[in-house]
Structures are given as C-alpha cells and as structure tokens.
C-alpha cells in the first residue's frame, strides 16, 4: 500500500492532459487533498477520455460484430421518437404509477440503447454512413421535452440513460462536434445530471442516508460515469465530482459485503453487473478509478458460481428467482474480473444471447490452464445465504440453497428467512413459487413475497413473516461440518409477528447418501397450527408411514419422510392468489403439512432426491436426537448440530 500511495502522489503532482496518464486505483484510498488534485486532473484531461477501440482488430471481421453492426444500422434507421409532450407519471399513485413507469421503461430504454450501440459502431468503424445515423439520432433525442418521461422526476431510469448516452457522444466525438452543438447537448444533459446529483447527495434522503436504495445506487453509478466525462475546469460536474465519486465508492455494494454477497437476489445481481460494466468501463477509462478492484466486485462472481452454477435454469432467492440465467453476463464479467472462479464459471457456462455491447467492449482473457471448480459448499456471511452442492463441476449435481438474511424482506428480498430451494439433475424440485409480474403488483404483494409462497414455516393458515420490512430478519447462527454432514442453522425469530419466541431451522447435507436433514424448532407464546410448506411441480402423495413422494414432469422423484415430531396432516392446492397480472409461471403444487395446535414444535424431516436413501434413523437423546444414515452420524443438541461420530 505504501508503494501504491507513493506512486499515486507522484502522478497527482504532475499536470494531466491525457486520460492515459491519470492515476489508477480507488478514489477513497487517498486523502481529500489528493482527491481534489485527482478531480482537477480528470477535468483537465483531453477528449475523448473513454472512447474504446477494438481489443483485437479481427473482431470487426467476426460474425458477432457483423450481426451487431447490421442490427444497429437497421435500428438507427428508424425513429428515436420520444414522448410528444409533458408527462404526469410523478403525479400518479400506487399501481397506476408503477405501470406507467414500467411502460416508459419498456418503450424508451430500447430507443436509448440504439443510440448507445450506434456510438460504438461509429467509434469502431467511423464511416460517414454511421456518423450520419448517429447525428440524426442525437437530433431526435434533443427534441425530447425536458418535462417528459426523460425528466428525472418522471422516470429515473429513462432520465439517467438519456443523460449518459449524450455524455458519451460528447466525449467520444468531441472534436467532430461544433461548439454550438456541444452547448445544445450539454443543455439537454444538465437538468437530468443536476437532478440525479441532488437526489444522490441529499443529506436526508440521499445515498449516504438511505444506502439500501436499488435505484439510488444505480443512479449514483450513472452519475459517476457521466460526471467524469462532463467535468471541465470550474463547471458544475467538476465542482461536485469529489463528493459524487467518494459517496458512490463507499456504497459498493449496499446489498452485500466483501464476500461478494448480493441480498437482492441473483436475478438482480445479473442485472446490476450488466449495468455497472458499461458505467465502470467509462469511469476507469476517463479517470483511472477502478471499481472492479473493490473487494465486493472481486467476489461478486462467487454468488453467480454458487447460486447459478453451470447448467442452472433458474435464479436464487428474491424477485425473479423463477427466471432464466443470463449467461452472457458471466462471460462479460469474467473478461473484466478474470479471477479463477469467474474464469471457471465462464468456461462452463453457455454464452447466451444478450447485450453484445458488453462483450464487444471487452477482451476474453488469454487461454490458460482450465481453473478447477470451487469447493462444493459456501456461506455468504454478509447476506446470510448458503449453498450445498454435490459437485459443482457436475451438471447433474444436487444443489440446495438456504437463506437466513439480515436484509429482511425489503425491496427485492422476500419474507423467506430459513427457506430453501432444491435443484437436482438440472430440474428445480422445490421452488420459490409465483411469478415476478411487476414490482409492487397485487400478486407480488399478496403471494410472491409472502412466506407461504416459499419452502418455509407458517402457522394458522398461512401467517408468515413480515413483508417489505428491513427488520424482518434472519441470521445464520451455525455453519459447520462433521460426521459426514455439512450443515447450516438459521434463526428467523425476528422475522415473524409478535409472539414468536423461537424459529430455528437447520439443514444438514449428507453427501454420501445425497439427502438432507431438515430440523425445525418452533416456539410461541400461544398455541398455533404450525405449517411446513413445500412447492413442487406435482403433488406429494403418501408413500409409506410418515413418507411422501412426488415427481417432476419427466419422472425425477423426490421423497420426504418424517423422522421425528408429532403427526402431521397433509393438504395442498395449485392456487396462488392474487393471480399474476403479467407473465407466466410454472404451475406448482403448494403442499402444507400441519400440526395440531401447540405452543412448541420440533420436527425432523429428511428430503431425499430420487428416493435412494434406504435407511435414515433419528434416535432421541437427553436433549436432542442422534441421526444416522449410511456412514454418517449427526447429533442435534439443544439448538445446534454436532458431529455425531465424536460424541
């Protein structure tokens, strides 16, 4: 670190006229005086500061580039016509506002992406035809009304992308743009940039005061990118740049810690990585600030590797868990953060269709020895997620995902503390149910986010954990291995309504038999009918004493047997009300095992993919159970698992 800072001080002491000579590193690793000097250097740098060039000239002869160029020219040949007049989105309330924002997002963001792609086409090939298409598209954007949907107060996602693409245009083609046109473009950008800045730096509601703001965090990344492109000596972007850069860097990431965790779920992690790559590339080129070097960024790929490993068809917990995996993001991220986990994941993940811009603005790392698969189990301590895999390298693996998170049920997280998901041989056997039709919809509120939609504990006909509540938390209280088992124990007591005194769940994986012990310890101040819930493609049916069985549509079996606890009554349905308003979901059966009313309940269940475990027993002990299966022995003592072979 001393050598890094010494070198940085030397670089900061010289006048900077070229972005290539800017310091490299993280903004907050130096003091305020050095930060001011760094910002002065950014503002004094020549344009273009961030314009890319093909990492390999042969890319322009490749099929991917040719298809990109053909599509982009075709798209830019059409109109980028924005809204005809002012927008009333900000005056709408509730579902009407959400639907209007979604409609604007779907209608106008693709138009702005057309221009972004056109800028790359012009930068890489630079022919007159492409220049004319870009200039025409910019003319159309300048015609969008300042108080229309591209106003920040109306639709922040449209406003930030509008301001960004015009900022990139100014930087990349600065020398070719007449001064009067540059001023017109700056005049269109500045109200949006100023509004995003005011929102981000607001002392009461801004990012520092309210860090868990998914739109706010992303808006801040946009602001950092456009500000390093727009900053000139003495202008508004330069004056606020030290606060913008310092505040944003401190916020990486509000949804997890240095282990790479992302509590808002893997679908949104894919989305965020796709967004920040474009922005971080611009910042790195224009300023030397490298957000990819932050600890969170270095380990964010671990989340993808453990919760959407190669061959996965679905995401992890939270909004969008039922949606497909974006393989192109895996490859684009590995191009930028080329550590062994990311490279292993990319080499084993299909490069699915997606935003080719991210792939065309990065280079694949040089071939090297194939990295080995990571270890089969991992806990992400910062977010309370854990993953158990039979073998990460095997696409026919068994995978169980467990969550007991300190982030509560807020934003894109659900009321699913101590819940689990089970995948086997490329199929999802136990699901988070419902469909992400739209954020805030009746289905989202009334089913999708609710505990009853998950493989979790409810009581008294579906009473579950508090929804949209940052204090409805869980926590992993034990993580370990021994006796042939790997295990996790979560405490979700704080997530339930008042009166819940204990809600523990432990899951122990016996790798040799490929089965899972699920232990629940529940206590309340008054009697409840406790409910143990699972969601599968087909109903569970009795298959022997205290044993039930289901199959996937193609015949992959799953068995559940009760090892200990009182008699349970099984009921189920395929109803999920309110029904989703948009999109389609996998039709699922919602199975509920219910107890007689009791203040306390302890259950031991065994979840057995393909029903192969011949013998598993639970023998009562003085203060728990001894569980044996095959060569594995596990002991439950009071509120924890122990290695049964040592007691």
Foldseek 3Di string as FASTA:
>chain_A
DVVLVVVQVVLLVDAAAALVSFRAEALVVDDPVSNLSLLQNLQNYAFLQQQFEFPDLCVCVDPLNVVLVVVLLVLLVDALADDPDADDLLVDDAPVNQVVLVVCCVPRPVSLVSLVSLSNVCSHPVDPSSVVSNVVRVVNLLPHDCRHCLPCSRHVVNVLSSLQSLLNVCRHCVVVDDPVVSVSSCVSNVNSLVVLVCQQPPPCRHCVNPVPDVSRLLSLLSSLLSLSSPRHPPDPSSVCNSVSSVSNLVPVDVQADLQQDGQLWDVVLLVVLVSNLVSQSSNCSSRNYHSCPRSNNLNVLVQCCQQVFQLAQAIDAFAGRQHGDQLLSLQLSCQVNVDLASQLRNVRHDNDDDDCVSVRRGDGDDDDPRRDHDDQKDARQGFAKIKGWLGSVDSQIKMKIFGFGLQAQADRGALAHGFMWIDGGSRTFWDQDDHCFGPNDQLVVQFNRFNLSTQFKDWDPRQGFDHNDSQQGKHWPDFQDAQQKTKTKMWRQRRHDPFWDTWMWMWIARSVQRKIKIKTKTAGPFWTWMKGKTKGLDDWDDDDDQKTWDAHPVGWIKMKGWQDWDAWDKDKDQDRPPHRDGDDTRRIIMIITIDDIDRIIMTIMMIHTSPRFPDWHWDDDPAFTWIDGDSGIWTDHNRDIDHRVVD
